[in-house]
Amino acid sequence: NPAVYENGDVCISILHPPVEDSTGYESAAERWSPVQTPATILLSVISMLSSPNDESPANVDAARMWREDMAAFKKRTRKCVRDSLEA
């Protein structure tokens, strides 16, 4: 997934500390605040899985595959899921 780093960390804006983004991509308002709930976090995860942000990816290779070869992206995703279930 374009929003998942190679080490497995997930890039979800509302989980980031509420400070200004040094890259200017996210405002502090898009980041963590006490009003976040388990429901808003789960909605962010669902959004990340169904419609990943490929404009500012954590995983550049996955973002490129998502944009350029959806069939290969889906095949790779299925393989990753199978492998994780067998582990």
Protein backbone atom coordinates (compact mmCIF):
# COMPACT_ATOMS: atom_id res chain seq x y z
CA ASN A 1 0.00 0.00 0.00
CA PRO A 2 1.37 3.46 -0.80
CA ALA A 3 0.65 4.54 2.79
CA VAL A 4 2.66 1.74 4.42
CA TYR A 5 6.41 2.08 4.89
CA GLU A 6 8.71 -0.86 4.12
CA ASN A 7 9.05 -1.54 7.87
CA GLY A 8 5.26 -1.84 8.24
CA ASP A 9 4.62 1.56 9.83
CA VAL A 10 1.42 3.17 8.58
CA CYS A 11 1.23 6.78 7.41
CA ILE A 12 -2.14 8.16 8.53
CA SER A 13 -2.33 11.93 9.01
CA ILE A 14 -4.57 11.92 12.06
CA LEU A 15 -2.01 9.81 13.91
CA HIS A 16 0.84 12.28 13.32
CA PRO A 17 1.80 14.72 16.09
CA PRO A 18 -0.14 18.03 15.87
CA VAL A 19 2.74 20.17 14.62
CA GLU A 20 3.26 21.84 11.27
CA ASP A 21 4.57 19.46 8.62
CA SER A 22 8.08 20.41 7.53
CA THR A 23 7.18 19.43 3.95
CA GLY A 24 4.06 21.59 3.99
CA TYR A 25 1.85 18.72 2.85
CA GLU A 26 -0.33 18.48 5.97
CA SER A 27 -1.61 21.23 8.23
CA ALA A 28 -1.66 20.79 12.00
CA ALA A 29 -5.48 20.62 11.78
CA GLU A 30 -5.19 17.37 9.80
CA ARG A 31 -3.11 15.73 12.50
CA TRP A 32 -3.76 14.20 15.92
CA SER A 33 -6.10 15.99 18.30
CA PRO A 34 -8.06 14.88 21.37
CA VAL A 35 -11.30 14.80 19.34
CA GLN A 36 -10.10 11.74 17.40
CA THR A 37 -11.97 8.60 18.35
CA PRO A 38 -11.54 4.93 17.54
CA ALA A 39 -14.23 5.45 14.89
CA THR A 40 -12.35 8.29 13.14
CA ILE A 41 -9.13 6.28 13.24
CA LEU A 42 -10.84 3.21 11.77
CA LEU A 43 -12.42 5.37 9.06
CA SER A 44 -8.93 6.65 8.20
CA VAL A 45 -7.63 3.08 7.95
CA ILE A 46 -10.55 2.09 5.70
CA SER A 47 -9.92 5.15 3.55
CA MET A 48 -6.20 4.34 3.34
CA LEU A 49 -6.97 0.81 2.17
CA SER A 50 -9.70 1.67 -0.31
CA SER A 51 -8.24 4.87 -1.72
CA PRO A 52 -4.56 5.30 -0.84
CA ASN A 53 -2.89 8.67 -1.27
CA ASP A 54 -0.32 8.13 -4.00
CA GLU A 55 0.65 11.82 -4.17
CA SER A 56 2.68 11.73 -0.95
CA PRO A 57 3.48 8.05 -0.53
CA ALA A 58 5.32 6.31 2.26
CA ASN A 59 6.04 3.52 -0.25
CA VAL A 60 7.00 5.03 -3.60
CA ASP A 61 7.13 1.68 -5.43
CA ALA A 62 3.62 0.76 -4.29
CA ALA A 63 2.32 4.19 -5.30
CA ARG A 64 3.85 3.85 -8.76
CA MET A 65 2.35 0.39 -9.20
CA TRP A 66 -1.05 1.67 -7.93
CA ARG A 67 -1.02 4.42 -10.59
CA GLU A 68 0.53 2.54 -13.50
CA ASP A 69 -0.42 -1.14 -13.20
CA MET A 70 -3.47 -1.83 -11.04
CA ALA A 71 -3.58 -5.51 -12.05
CA ALA A 72 -0.01 -6.02 -10.81
CA PHE A 73 -0.81 -4.03 -7.65
CA LYS A 74 -3.77 -6.29 -6.86
CA LYS A 75 -1.73 -9.42 -7.61
CA ARG A 76 1.06 -8.24 -5.31
CA THR A 77 -1.47 -7.36 -2.60
CA ARG A 78 -3.05 -10.82 -2.75
CA LYS A 79 0.39 -12.42 -2.48
CA CYS A 80 1.29 -10.29 0.54
CA VAL A 81 -1.97 -11.25 2.26
CA ARG A 82 -1.44 -14.96 1.51
CA ASP A 83 2.14 -14.80 2.77
CA SER A 84 1.07 -13.06 5.99
CA LEU A 85 -1.62 -15.67 6.63
CA GLU A 86 0.91 -18.49 6.22
CA ALA A 87 3.47 -16.91 8.55
